[in-house]
Amino acid sequence: MGVPALYAGSGSDYIEQDTSLIADRKKALAGRYHAVNDEVIPEWNFDGMLADIRLFFDIGYTLSQEATFPKWKDKSEFKEIGEKR
């Protein structure tokens, strides 16, 4: 569409190479993810999630301090409206 934006989503690449850990994680969540019995387990490790949050904050903060901003694509249908702001 040509709208300058950042998209922060979860990926599917794992730092861990031990596939048994991935299988264990899937098994632990099966049948309970977003279900009535879905509760936080104290043993869960949220380090990756925290690293993502820090990265997203750093990107947003850095962009908020910039004097220049992303440019519209030349053929974007929103370019004319966006540049009036």
N, C-alpha and C. Protein backbone atom coordinates (compact mmCIF):
# COMPACT_ATOMS: atom_id res chain seq x y z
N MET A 1 0.81 -1.19 0.00
CA MET A 1 0.00 0.00 0.00
C MET A 1 0.85 1.25 0.00
N GLY A 2 2.05 1.19 0.51
CA GLY A 2 2.91 2.35 0.53
C GLY A 2 2.82 3.17 1.80
N VAL A 3 2.12 2.69 2.82
CA VAL A 3 2.00 3.42 4.07
C VAL A 3 3.21 3.09 4.94
N PRO A 4 4.01 4.13 5.33
CA PRO A 4 5.16 3.85 6.20
C PRO A 4 4.69 3.27 7.53
N ALA A 5 5.20 2.13 7.91
CA ALA A 5 4.77 1.49 9.15
C ALA A 5 5.80 0.48 9.61
N LEU A 6 5.76 0.18 10.87
CA LEU A 6 6.57 -0.90 11.43
C LEU A 6 5.62 -2.02 11.80
N TYR A 7 6.03 -3.24 11.56
CA TYR A 7 5.23 -4.39 11.96
C TYR A 7 6.08 -5.24 12.88
N ALA A 8 5.62 -5.45 14.08
CA ALA A 8 6.34 -6.27 15.04
C ALA A 8 5.51 -7.50 15.33
N GLY A 9 5.96 -8.62 14.84
CA GLY A 9 5.25 -9.87 15.06
C GLY A 9 6.22 -10.95 15.50
N SER A 10 5.67 -12.01 16.00
CA SER A 10 6.54 -13.11 16.43
C SER A 10 7.00 -13.89 15.22
N GLY A 11 8.19 -14.38 15.30
CA GLY A 11 8.75 -15.16 14.21
C GLY A 11 8.61 -16.65 14.47
N SER A 12 9.17 -17.42 13.58
CA SER A 12 9.11 -18.87 13.76
C SER A 12 10.50 -19.48 13.86
N ASP A 13 11.53 -18.63 13.93
CA ASP A 13 12.89 -19.13 14.10
C ASP A 13 13.21 -19.21 15.59
N TYR A 14 13.81 -20.30 16.01
CA TYR A 14 14.16 -20.49 17.40
C TYR A 14 15.66 -20.39 17.58
N ILE A 15 16.07 -19.70 18.62
CA ILE A 15 17.50 -19.64 18.95
C ILE A 15 17.95 -21.02 19.41
N GLU A 16 17.05 -21.68 20.15
CA GLU A 16 17.36 -23.02 20.64
C GLU A 16 17.40 -23.99 19.46
N GLN A 17 18.35 -24.85 19.44
CA GLN A 17 18.44 -25.84 18.38
C GLN A 17 17.91 -27.19 18.82
N ASP A 18 17.62 -27.31 20.11
CA ASP A 18 17.11 -28.56 20.66
C ASP A 18 15.62 -28.69 20.34
N THR A 19 15.28 -29.49 19.34
CA THR A 19 13.89 -29.61 18.91
C THR A 19 13.00 -30.28 19.97
N SER A 20 13.58 -30.98 20.91
CA SER A 20 12.77 -31.58 21.97
C SER A 20 12.16 -30.50 22.85
N LEU A 21 12.86 -29.38 23.03
CA LEU A 21 12.32 -28.27 23.81
C LEU A 21 11.10 -27.67 23.11
N ILE A 22 11.18 -27.56 21.80
CA ILE A 22 10.07 -27.02 21.01
C ILE A 22 8.87 -27.97 21.10
N ALA A 23 9.12 -29.26 20.98
CA ALA A 23 8.05 -30.26 21.07
C ALA A 23 7.42 -30.24 22.47
N ASP A 24 8.25 -30.12 23.50
CA ASP A 24 7.74 -30.05 24.87
C ASP A 24 6.85 -28.83 25.06
N ARG A 25 7.27 -27.70 24.48
CA ARG A 25 6.49 -26.47 24.60
C ARG A 25 5.13 -26.62 23.93
N LYS A 26 5.12 -27.20 22.75
CA LYS A 26 3.85 -27.42 22.04
C LYS A 26 2.94 -28.37 22.82
N LYS A 27 3.52 -29.41 23.38
CA LYS A 27 2.75 -30.38 24.15
C LYS A 27 2.16 -29.72 25.41
N ALA A 28 2.93 -28.86 26.07
CA ALA A 28 2.46 -28.20 27.29
C ALA A 28 1.30 -27.24 27.01
N LEU A 29 1.29 -26.65 25.82
CA LEU A 29 0.24 -25.69 25.48
C LEU A 29 -0.98 -26.33 24.82
N ALA A 30 -0.84 -27.55 24.34
CA ALA A 30 -1.93 -28.21 23.62
C ALA A 30 -3.16 -28.35 24.51
N GLY A 31 -4.30 -27.91 24.00
CA GLY A 31 -5.56 -28.05 24.72
C GLY A 31 -5.77 -27.06 25.84
N ARG A 32 -4.81 -26.18 26.10
CA ARG A 32 -4.98 -25.22 27.18
C ARG A 32 -4.74 -23.79 26.77
N TYR A 33 -4.08 -23.57 25.63
CA TYR A 33 -3.79 -22.21 25.18
C TYR A 33 -5.10 -21.48 24.88
N HIS A 34 -5.34 -20.38 25.58
CA HIS A 34 -6.56 -19.58 25.47
C HIS A 34 -7.81 -20.37 25.84
N ALA A 35 -7.66 -21.30 26.74
CA ALA A 35 -8.79 -22.08 27.23
C ALA A 35 -9.01 -21.74 28.71
N VAL A 36 -10.05 -22.28 29.30
CA VAL A 36 -10.39 -21.99 30.70
C VAL A 36 -9.24 -22.36 31.63
N ASN A 37 -8.54 -23.44 31.32
CA ASN A 37 -7.46 -23.90 32.19
C ASN A 37 -6.09 -23.31 31.82
N ASP A 38 -6.07 -22.25 31.04
CA ASP A 38 -4.82 -21.60 30.62
C ASP A 38 -4.32 -20.69 31.74
N GLU A 39 -3.24 -21.08 32.38
CA GLU A 39 -2.67 -20.30 33.47
C GLU A 39 -1.16 -20.21 33.29
N VAL A 40 -0.57 -19.18 33.86
CA VAL A 40 0.88 -19.02 33.80
C VAL A 40 1.53 -20.09 34.67
N ILE A 41 2.56 -20.69 34.14
CA ILE A 41 3.32 -21.70 34.88
C ILE A 41 4.61 -21.03 35.35
N PRO A 42 4.91 -21.07 36.64
CA PRO A 42 6.08 -20.37 37.18
C PRO A 42 7.41 -20.72 36.50
N GLU A 43 7.51 -21.90 35.94
CA GLU A 43 8.76 -22.32 35.31
C GLU A 43 8.97 -21.72 33.91
N TRP A 44 7.97 -21.06 33.35
CA TRP A 44 8.11 -20.51 32.01
C TRP A 44 9.19 -19.45 31.99
N ASN A 45 9.88 -19.36 30.87
CA ASN A 45 10.95 -18.39 30.69
C ASN A 45 10.46 -17.32 29.70
N PHE A 46 10.43 -16.08 30.15
CA PHE A 46 9.95 -14.98 29.33
C PHE A 46 11.09 -14.10 28.79
N ASP A 47 12.32 -14.60 28.83
CA ASP A 47 13.46 -13.79 28.39
C ASP A 47 13.33 -13.34 26.94
N GLY A 48 12.87 -14.22 26.06
CA GLY A 48 12.73 -13.86 24.65
C GLY A 48 11.69 -12.77 24.45
N MET A 49 10.58 -12.88 25.18
CA MET A 49 9.52 -11.88 25.08
C MET A 49 10.03 -10.52 25.57
N LEU A 50 10.79 -10.53 26.66
CA LEU A 50 11.34 -9.28 27.19
C LEU A 50 12.35 -8.67 26.22
N ALA A 51 13.14 -9.51 25.57
CA ALA A 51 14.10 -9.01 24.58
C ALA A 51 13.36 -8.36 23.41
N ASP A 52 12.26 -8.97 22.97
CA ASP A 52 11.45 -8.38 21.90
C ASP A 52 10.90 -7.02 22.32
N ILE A 53 10.35 -6.94 23.52
CA ILE A 53 9.77 -5.68 24.01
C ILE A 53 10.83 -4.59 24.06
N ARG A 54 12.02 -4.95 24.54
CA ARG A 54 13.11 -3.95 24.60
C ARG A 54 13.49 -3.48 23.19
N LEU A 55 13.55 -4.41 22.26
CA LEU A 55 13.88 -4.06 20.87
C LEU A 55 12.82 -3.14 20.29
N PHE A 56 11.54 -3.48 20.45
CA PHE A 56 10.46 -2.65 19.91
C PHE A 56 10.47 -1.26 20.55
N PHE A 57 10.73 -1.20 21.85
CA PHE A 57 10.82 0.10 22.52
C PHE A 57 11.97 0.91 21.94
N ASP A 58 13.14 0.28 21.81
CA ASP A 58 14.32 0.98 21.29
C ASP A 58 14.07 1.52 19.89
N ILE A 59 13.42 0.74 19.05
CA ILE A 59 13.11 1.19 17.68
C ILE A 59 12.16 2.39 17.75
N GLY A 60 11.10 2.26 18.51
CA GLY A 60 10.14 3.36 18.63
C GLY A 60 10.76 4.61 19.21
N TYR A 61 11.57 4.45 20.25
CA TYR A 61 12.21 5.60 20.87
C TYR A 61 13.18 6.28 19.90
N THR A 62 13.97 5.48 19.21
CA THR A 62 14.92 6.03 18.24
C THR A 62 14.18 6.80 17.15
N LEU A 63 13.11 6.22 16.63
CA LEU A 63 12.33 6.91 15.60
C LEU A 63 11.71 8.19 16.13
N SER A 64 11.29 8.19 17.39
CA SER A 64 10.66 9.39 17.96
C SER A 64 11.65 10.53 18.11
N GLN A 65 12.94 10.22 18.12
CA GLN A 65 13.97 11.25 18.27
C GLN A 65 14.50 11.73 16.92
N GLU A 66 14.07 11.11 15.85
CA GLU A 66 14.56 11.45 14.50
C GLU A 66 13.94 12.74 13.98
N ALA A 67 14.71 13.44 13.16
CA ALA A 67 14.19 14.63 12.47
C ALA A 67 13.67 14.25 11.09
N THR A 68 14.07 13.09 10.61
CA THR A 68 13.59 12.61 9.31
C THR A 68 12.64 11.45 9.54
N PHE A 69 11.76 11.23 8.59
CA PHE A 69 10.76 10.19 8.73
C PHE A 69 10.73 9.33 7.48
N PRO A 70 10.13 8.14 7.57
CA PRO A 70 10.03 7.29 6.38
C PRO A 70 9.30 8.02 5.26
N LYS A 71 9.67 7.70 4.04
CA LYS A 71 9.08 8.35 2.86
C LYS A 71 7.98 7.48 2.27
N TRP A 72 7.02 8.12 1.63
CA TRP A 72 5.96 7.42 0.93
C TRP A 72 6.51 6.86 -0.37
N LYS A 73 6.00 5.72 -0.80
CA LYS A 73 6.36 5.20 -2.12
C LYS A 73 5.79 6.15 -3.17
N ASP A 74 6.53 6.35 -4.25
CA ASP A 74 6.12 7.30 -5.27
C ASP A 74 4.72 7.03 -5.82
N LYS A 75 4.35 5.79 -5.98
CA LYS A 75 3.05 5.45 -6.57
C LYS A 75 1.96 5.17 -5.52
N SER A 76 2.25 5.48 -4.26
CA SER A 76 1.27 5.22 -3.21
C SER A 76 0.04 6.10 -3.37
N GLU A 77 -1.13 5.49 -3.22
CA GLU A 77 -2.38 6.25 -3.31
C GLU A 77 -2.55 7.19 -2.12
N PHE A 78 -1.75 7.01 -1.05
CA PHE A 78 -1.85 7.83 0.14
C PHE A 78 -0.81 8.94 0.18
N LYS A 79 0.12 8.94 -0.76
CA LYS A 79 1.25 9.87 -0.73
C LYS A 79 0.80 11.33 -0.67
N GLU A 80 -0.10 11.73 -1.54
CA GLU A 80 -0.53 13.13 -1.59
C GLU A 80 -1.17 13.57 -0.28
N ILE A 81 -2.04 12.74 0.27
CA ILE A 81 -2.70 13.07 1.54
C ILE A 81 -1.70 13.10 2.67
N GLY A 82 -0.82 12.11 2.71
CA GLY A 82 0.16 12.00 3.79
C GLY A 82 1.16 13.13 3.82
N GLU A 83 1.55 13.63 2.66
CA GLU A 83 2.52 14.69 2.59
C GLU A 83 1.93 16.05 2.94
N LYS A 84 0.62 16.18 2.98
CA LYS A 84 -0.03 17.44 3.37
C LYS A 84 0.05 17.67 4.87
N ARG A 85 0.29 16.63 5.63
CA ARG A 85 0.31 16.73 7.08
C ARG A 85 1.58 17.34 7.58
